[in-house]
C-alpha atoms as a PDB file:
ATOM      1  CA  MET A   1     143.732   9.390  74.838  1.00  0.00           C
ATOM      2  CA  GLU A   2     143.355   9.434  71.294  1.00  0.00           C
ATOM      3  CA  LEU A   3     144.219   7.093  68.500  1.00  0.00           C
ATOM      4  CA  ASP A   4     146.964   8.207  65.365  1.00  0.00           C
ATOM      5  CA  ALA A   5     145.859   6.425  61.665  1.00  0.00           C
ATOM      6  CA  ASP A   6     147.496   3.379  62.125  1.00  0.00           C
ATOM      7  CA  ALA A   7     146.077   2.567  65.814  1.00  0.00           C
ATOM      8  CA  ILE A   8     142.047   3.276  63.818  1.00  0.00           C
ATOM      9  CA  ASP A   9     143.582   0.984  60.790  1.00  0.00           C
ATOM     10  CA  ALA A  10     144.136  -1.387  62.942  1.00  0.00           C
ATOM     11  CA  MET A  11     140.701  -1.444  64.919  1.00  0.00           C
ATOM     12  CA  ARG A  12     139.009  -1.370  61.701  1.00  0.00           C
ATOM     13  CA  GLU A  13     140.857  -4.208  60.377  1.00  0.00           C
ATOM     14  CA  LEU A  14     139.697  -5.692  64.149  1.00  0.00           C
ATOM     15  CA  ILE A  15     135.700  -4.789  63.458  1.00  0.00           C
ATOM     16  CA  ASN A  16     136.368  -6.396  60.047  1.00  0.00           C
ATOM     17  CA  ILE A  17     137.895  -9.867  60.993  1.00  0.00           C
ATOM     18  CA  GLY A  18     135.055 -10.020  63.040  1.00  0.00           C
ATOM     19  CA  VAL A  19     132.001  -8.990  60.567  1.00  0.00           C
ATOM     20  CA  GLY A  20     133.647 -11.361  57.890  1.00  0.00           C
ATOM     21  CA  ARG A  21     133.554 -14.522  60.636  1.00  0.00           C
ATOM     22  CA  ALA A  22     129.271 -13.547  61.114  1.00  0.00           C
ATOM     23  CA  ALA A  23     128.911 -13.058  57.118  1.00  0.00           C
ATOM     24  CA  GLY A  24     130.010 -16.788  56.928  1.00  0.00           C
ATOM     25  CA  MET A  25     127.431 -17.784  59.662  1.00  0.00           C
ATOM     26  CA  LEU A  26     124.867 -15.999  58.312  1.00  0.00           C
ATOM     27  CA  ASN A  27     125.697 -16.885  54.838  1.00  0.00           C
ATOM     28  CA  GLU A  28     125.283 -20.804  56.425  1.00  0.00           C
ATOM     29  CA  ILE A  29     122.061 -20.249  58.387  1.00  0.00           C
ATOM     30  CA  THR A  30     120.500 -17.864  56.038  1.00  0.00           C
ATOM     31  CA  LYS A  31     121.320 -19.622  52.815  1.00  0.00           C
ATOM     32  CA  CYS A  32     121.201 -15.863  51.435  1.00  0.00           C
ATOM     33  CA  PRO A  33     124.796 -14.687  50.105  1.00  0.00           C
ATOM     34  CA  ILE A  34     125.496 -11.911  52.374  1.00  0.00           C
ATOM     35  CA  ILE A  35     128.785  -9.424  52.252  1.00  0.00           C
ATOM     36  CA  LEU A  36     129.644  -7.476  55.105  1.00  0.00           C
ATOM     37  CA  GLN A  37     132.229  -4.547  54.880  1.00  0.00           C
ATOM     38  CA  VAL A  38     133.088  -1.833  57.739  1.00  0.00           C
ATOM     39  CA  PRO A  39     134.440   0.694  55.527  1.00  0.00           C
ATOM     40  CA  SER A  40     135.218   2.695  57.839  1.00  0.00           C
ATOM     41  CA  ILE A  41     135.553   4.020  61.669  1.00  0.00           C
ATOM     42  CA  ARG A  42     135.909   7.107  63.724  1.00  0.00           C
ATOM     43  CA  ILE A  43     135.736   8.262  67.554  1.00  0.00           C
ATOM     44  CA  GLU A  44     132.778  10.338  67.956  1.00  0.00           C
ATOM     45  CA  SER A  45     131.933  11.958  71.164  1.00  0.00           C
ATOM     46  CA  LEU A  46     128.952  11.020  72.103  1.00  0.00           C
ATOM     47  CA  GLU A  47     127.073  14.503  72.345  1.00  0.00           C
ATOM     48  CA  LYS A  48     127.081  14.598  68.613  1.00  0.00           C
ATOM     49  CA  LEU A  49     126.615  11.036  68.172  1.00  0.00           C
ATOM     50  CA  SER A  50     123.473  10.499  70.382  1.00  0.00           C
ATOM     51  CA  GLY A  51     122.152  14.739  69.620  1.00  0.00           C
ATOM     52  CA  THR A  52     121.421  15.297  73.272  1.00  0.00           C
ATOM     53  CA  THR A  53     120.837  18.696  72.688  1.00  0.00           C
ATOM     54  CA  ASP A  54     117.890  17.591  70.179  1.00  0.00           C
ATOM     55  CA  GLU A  55     115.116  16.420  71.681  1.00  0.00           C
ATOM     56  CA  ASN A  56     113.926  15.034  68.213  1.00  0.00           C
ATOM     57  CA  ALA A  57     116.764  12.907  67.612  1.00  0.00           C
ATOM     58  CA  PRO A  58     115.431   9.783  65.911  1.00  0.00           C
ATOM     59  CA  SER A  59     115.067   6.854  67.391  1.00  0.00           C
ATOM     60  CA  LEU A  60     116.780   4.041  65.939  1.00  0.00           C
ATOM     61  CA  SER A  61     116.287  -0.025  65.217  1.00  0.00           C
ATOM     62  CA  THR A  62     118.577  -1.499  67.789  1.00  0.00           C
ATOM     63  CA  VAL A  63     120.016  -5.017  68.800  1.00  0.00           C
ATOM     64  CA  SER A  64     122.289  -4.399  72.037  1.00  0.00           C
ATOM     65  CA  LEU A  65     124.279  -6.334  74.334  1.00  0.00           C
ATOM     66  CA  HIS A  66     125.404  -5.328  77.167  1.00  0.00           C
ATOM     67  CA  PHE A  67     129.603  -6.844  77.916  1.00  0.00           C
ATOM     68  CA  ARG A  68     131.510  -6.910  81.081  1.00  0.00           C
ATOM     69  CA  GLY A  69     135.225  -7.944  82.224  1.00  0.00           C
ATOM     70  CA  PRO A  70     138.128  -6.088  82.157  1.00  0.00           C
ATOM     71  CA  MET A  71     136.098  -3.609  79.666  1.00  0.00           C
ATOM     72  CA  SER A  72     132.631  -3.379  80.539  1.00  0.00           C
ATOM     73  CA  GLY A  73     130.059  -1.231  77.849  1.00  0.00           C
ATOM     74  CA  VAL A  74     127.167  -1.884  75.223  1.00  0.00           C
ATOM     75  CA  ALA A  75     127.593  -3.301  71.472  1.00  0.00           C
ATOM     76  CA  ALA A  76     124.980  -2.147  69.246  1.00  0.00           C
ATOM     77  CA  LEU A  77     124.342  -2.942  65.622  1.00  0.00           C
ATOM     78  CA  VAL A  78     121.942   0.006  64.489  1.00  0.00           C
ATOM     79  CA  PHE A  79     119.734   1.190  61.858  1.00  0.00           C
ATOM     80  CA  PRO A  80     117.041   3.229  60.862  1.00  0.00           C
ATOM     81  CA  PRO A  81     113.673   1.682  60.704  1.00  0.00           C
ATOM     82  CA  LYS A  82     113.100   1.097  57.434  1.00  0.00           C
ATOM     83  CA  SER A  83     116.533  -0.249  56.609  1.00  0.00           C
ATOM     84  CA  ALA A  84     115.794  -2.845  59.415  1.00  0.00           C
ATOM     85  CA  ALA A  85     112.811  -4.095  58.055  1.00  0.00           C
ATOM     86  CA  LEU A  86     114.358  -3.783  54.464  1.00  0.00           C
ATOM     87  CA  LEU A  87     117.126  -5.766  55.448  1.00  0.00           C
ATOM     88  CA  VAL A  88     115.130  -8.381  57.430  1.00  0.00           C
ATOM     89  CA  SER A  89     112.780  -8.803  54.299  1.00  0.00           C
ATOM     90  CA  LEU A  90     115.605  -9.506  52.039  1.00  0.00           C
ATOM     91  CA  MET A  91     116.917 -12.137  54.186  1.00  0.00           C
ATOM     92  CA  THR A  92     113.707 -13.762  55.321  1.00  0.00           C
ATOM     93  CA  ARG A  93     112.196 -13.216  51.550  1.00  0.00           C
ATOM     94  CA  GLU A  94     108.893 -12.170  53.098  1.00  0.00           C
ATOM     95  CA  GLY A  95     107.126  -9.116  52.657  1.00  0.00           C
ATOM     96  CA  GLU A  96     109.026  -5.404  53.782  1.00  0.00           C
ATOM     97  CA  ASP A  97     106.345  -3.353  56.131  1.00  0.00           C
ATOM     98  CA  ALA A  98     108.955  -0.792  57.745  1.00  0.00           C
ATOM     99  CA  GLN A  99     106.338   0.170  60.197  1.00  0.00           C
ATOM    100  CA  ASP A 100     105.363  -2.514  62.148  1.00  0.00           C
ATOM    101  CA  LEU A 101     108.362  -5.454  62.389  1.00  0.00           C
ATOM    102  CA  ASP A 102     106.438  -8.596  63.894  1.00  0.00           C
ATOM    103  CA  ILE A 103     107.782 -10.898  66.664  1.00  0.00           C
ATOM    104  CA  MET A 104     109.482 -13.282  63.632  1.00  0.00           C
ATOM    105  CA  ARG A 105     111.206 -10.423  62.349  1.00  0.00           C
ATOM    106  CA  ILE A 106     112.316  -9.250  65.291  1.00  0.00           C
ATOM    107  CA  GLU A 107     113.421 -12.020  66.325  1.00  0.00           C
ATOM    108  CA  THR A 108     115.635 -12.376  63.387  1.00  0.00           C
ATOM    109  CA  LEU A 109     117.267  -9.107  63.777  1.00  0.00           C
ATOM    110  CA  LYS A 110     118.055  -9.871  67.481  1.00  0.00           C
ATOM    111  CA  GLU A 111     119.839 -13.257  66.105  1.00  0.00           C
ATOM    112  CA  VAL A 112     121.426 -11.121  63.498  1.00  0.00           C
ATOM    113  CA  GLY A 113     122.508  -8.778  65.751  1.00  0.00           C
ATOM    114  CA  ASN A 114     123.675 -10.916  68.128  1.00  0.00           C
ATOM    115  CA  ILE A 115     126.068 -13.003  65.304  1.00  0.00           C
ATOM    116  CA  ILE A 116     127.575  -9.565  64.442  1.00  0.00           C
ATOM    117  CA  ILE A 117     128.541  -8.313  67.625  1.00  0.00           C
ATOM    118  CA  ASN A 118     129.590 -11.265  69.211  1.00  0.00           C
ATOM    119  CA  ALA A 119     131.857 -12.006  66.243  1.00  0.00           C
ATOM    120  CA  VAL A 120     133.531  -8.414  66.539  1.00  0.00           C
ATOM    121  CA  MET A 121     133.887  -8.229  70.578  1.00  0.00           C
ATOM    122  CA  GLY A 122     135.090 -11.836  70.173  1.00  0.00           C
ATOM    123  CA  SER A 123     137.574 -10.790  67.356  1.00  0.00           C
ATOM    124  CA  ILE A 124     138.918  -7.613  69.931  1.00  0.00           C
ATOM    125  CA  ALA A 125     138.853  -9.599  73.222  1.00  0.00           C
ATOM    126  CA  ASN A 126     141.084 -12.376  71.509  1.00  0.00           C
ATOM    127  CA  VAL A 127     143.613  -9.939  70.260  1.00  0.00           C
ATOM    128  CA  LEU A 128     143.753  -8.268  73.401  1.00  0.00           C
ATOM    129  CA  GLU A 129     143.185 -11.175  75.760  1.00  0.00           C
ATOM    130  CA  GLN A 130     140.506 -10.115  77.381  1.00  0.00           C
ATOM    131  CA  HIS A 131     137.322 -12.635  78.498  1.00  0.00           C
ATOM    132  CA  LEU A 132     134.157 -10.635  78.324  1.00  0.00           C
ATOM    133  CA  LYS A 133     130.613 -11.932  79.236  1.00  0.00           C
ATOM    134  CA  TYR A 134     127.706 -10.856  77.586  1.00  0.00           C
ATOM    135  CA  SER A 135     123.981 -10.730  78.163  1.00  0.00           C
ATOM    136  CA  LEU A 136     121.222 -11.615  75.636  1.00  0.00           C
ATOM    137  CA  PRO A 137     120.527  -9.684  72.648  1.00  0.00           C
ATOM    138  CA  ASN A 138     117.994  -7.164  73.094  1.00  0.00           C
ATOM    139  CA  TYR A 139     116.250  -5.294  70.665  1.00  0.00           C
ATOM    140  CA  GLN A 140     114.647  -1.508  70.853  1.00  0.00           C
ATOM    141  CA  GLU A 141     113.317   1.415  69.126  1.00  0.00           C
ATOM    142  CA  ILE A 142     115.862   3.696  70.609  1.00  0.00           C
ATOM    143  CA  ARG A 143     117.885   7.063  70.860  1.00  0.00           C
ATOM    144  CA  ILE A 144     121.728   6.765  71.062  1.00  0.00           C
ATOM    145  CA  ALA A 145     121.718   8.887  74.162  1.00  0.00           C
ATOM    146  CA  ALA A 146     119.032   6.006  76.095  1.00  0.00           C
ATOM    147  CA  LEU A 147     121.004   3.518  75.248  1.00  0.00           C
ATOM    148  CA  ALA A 148     124.019   5.344  76.658  1.00  0.00           C
ATOM    149  CA  GLN A 149     121.719   5.418  79.809  1.00  0.00           C
ATOM    150  CA  SER A 150     121.318   2.071  79.936  1.00  0.00           C
ATOM    151  CA  LEU A 151     124.857   1.471  81.517  1.00  0.00           C
ATOM    152  CA  LYS A 152     125.263   0.450  84.991  1.00  0.00           C
ATOM    153  CA  LYS A 153     127.878   3.331  85.331  1.00  0.00           C
ATOM    154  CA  THR A 154     128.381   6.605  83.041  1.00  0.00           C
ATOM    155  CA  ALA A 155     129.449   6.218  79.605  1.00  0.00           C
ATOM    156  CA  ASP A 156     132.566   7.692  78.692  1.00  0.00           C
ATOM    157  CA  LYS A 157     132.251  10.438  76.444  1.00  0.00           C
ATOM    158  CA  ARG A 158     133.409   8.994  73.051  1.00  0.00           C
ATOM    159  CA  VAL A 159     131.941   6.133  71.255  1.00  0.00           C
ATOM    160  CA  VAL A 160     133.515   4.141  68.642  1.00  0.00           C
ATOM    161  CA  LEU A 161     131.539   4.014  65.473  1.00  0.00           C
ATOM    162  CA  ALA A 162     131.659   1.690  62.764  1.00  0.00           C
ATOM    163  CA  ASN A 163     129.863   1.914  59.380  1.00  0.00           C
ATOM    164  CA  ALA A 164     128.702  -1.439  58.404  1.00  0.00           C
ATOM    165  CA  HIS A 165     127.430  -2.181  54.759  1.00  0.00           C
ATOM    166  CA  PHE A 166     125.185  -5.280  54.054  1.00  0.00           C
ATOM    167  CA  HIS A 167     125.343  -6.177  50.289  1.00  0.00           C
ATOM    168  CA  LEU A 168     122.751  -8.817  49.424  1.00  0.00           C
ATOM    169  CA  GLU A 169     120.179  -9.343  46.423  1.00  0.00           C
ATOM    170  CA  GLY A 170     121.664  -6.860  44.395  1.00  0.00           C
ATOM    171  CA  THR A 171     121.190  -3.943  47.524  1.00  0.00           C
ATOM    172  CA  THR A 172     123.345  -2.078  50.022  1.00  0.00           C
ATOM    173  CA  ILE A 173     121.573  -1.221  53.477  1.00  0.00           C
ATOM    174  CA  ASP A 174     123.545   1.046  55.657  1.00  0.00           C
ATOM    175  CA  GLY A 175     123.920   0.499  59.384  1.00  0.00           C
ATOM    176  CA  ASN A 176     126.330   0.997  61.879  1.00  0.00           C
ATOM    177  CA  ILE A 177     128.029  -0.719  64.700  1.00  0.00           C
ATOM    178  CA  LEU A 178     128.108   1.046  68.229  1.00  0.00           C
ATOM    179  CA  LEU A 179     130.694   0.488  70.886  1.00  0.00           C
ATOM    180  CA  ILE A 180     129.849   2.900  74.050  1.00  0.00           C
ATOM    181  CA  LEU A 181     132.084   1.490  76.737  1.00  0.00           C
ATOM    182  CA  GLU A 182     132.230   3.200  80.463  1.00  0.00           C
ATOM    183  CA  ILE A 183     134.552   5.338  81.669  1.00  0.00           C
ATOM    184  CA  GLY A 184     138.143   3.587  81.773  1.00  0.00           C
ATOM    185  CA  SER A 185     136.832   1.135  79.614  1.00  0.00           C
ATOM    186  CA  MET A 186     137.437   3.536  76.494  1.00  0.00           C
ATOM    187  CA  ASP A 187     140.866   3.810  77.180  1.00  0.00           C
ATOM    188  CA  ALA A 188     141.446   0.337  77.856  1.00  0.00           C
ATOM    189  CA  LEU A 189     140.248  -0.306  74.846  1.00  0.00           C
ATOM    190  CA  LEU A 190     142.630   2.298  73.475  1.00  0.00           C
ATOM    191  CA  GLU A 191     145.883   1.435  75.047  1.00  0.00           C
ATOM    192  CA  GLY A 192     145.414  -1.758  74.403  1.00  0.00           C
ATOM    193  CA  ILE A 193     144.886  -1.345  70.337  1.00  0.00           C
ATOM    194  CA  THR A 194     147.924   1.444  70.508  1.00  0.00           C
ATOM    195  CA  ARG A 195     150.100  -1.410  72.143  1.00  0.00           C
ATOM    196  CA  MET A 196     149.204  -4.063  69.087  1.00  0.00           C
ATOM    197  CA  THR A 197     149.543  -1.475  66.432  1.00  0.00           C
ATOM    198  CA  PRO A 198     153.261  -1.891  64.777  1.00  0.00           C
ATOM    199  CA  ARG A 199     155.900   1.027  65.025  1.00  0.00           C
ATOM    200  CA  ASP A 200     158.915   2.541  63.315  1.00  0.00           C
END
């Protein structure tokens, strides 16, 4: 099943509601003014996104949560390593070391990812009237293909990719929110989004 333009807009709105809530929570916790935006989303093929045909596909700084329920899969906040280090540096006001995120800064990134992913998935689950159970957040520098392989069942060949823009301290940092669902769960999500989309 594919989404039309109206349904894509509806999904983007759901994700934006989630990141808006997450930004408010992050502002309160860090005392650092943060604006979070999701300007676009798309449904991308897992093979293209993960570079499964390219052994040199880069490892990315990834905070992921597995979830299960009517939908099962993994949601992840993903950055190039240098962008992840810069984001944490701006939030904690500590020096940046892009090559080696120390334990404290990894924990900070995990908390950021946990807040954002829970808010986004909560927004989607609430509208679809579903209850999901989540794992604890996990930080890894990992390729997208390996993240998909971490699912208990086979991943759907389609991935929801949402661009995420973080605006803080006069700097914009680009990342992505990924939804990699198990086979069957992606169709359930797309059908739910389609049902909630107003029709003429």
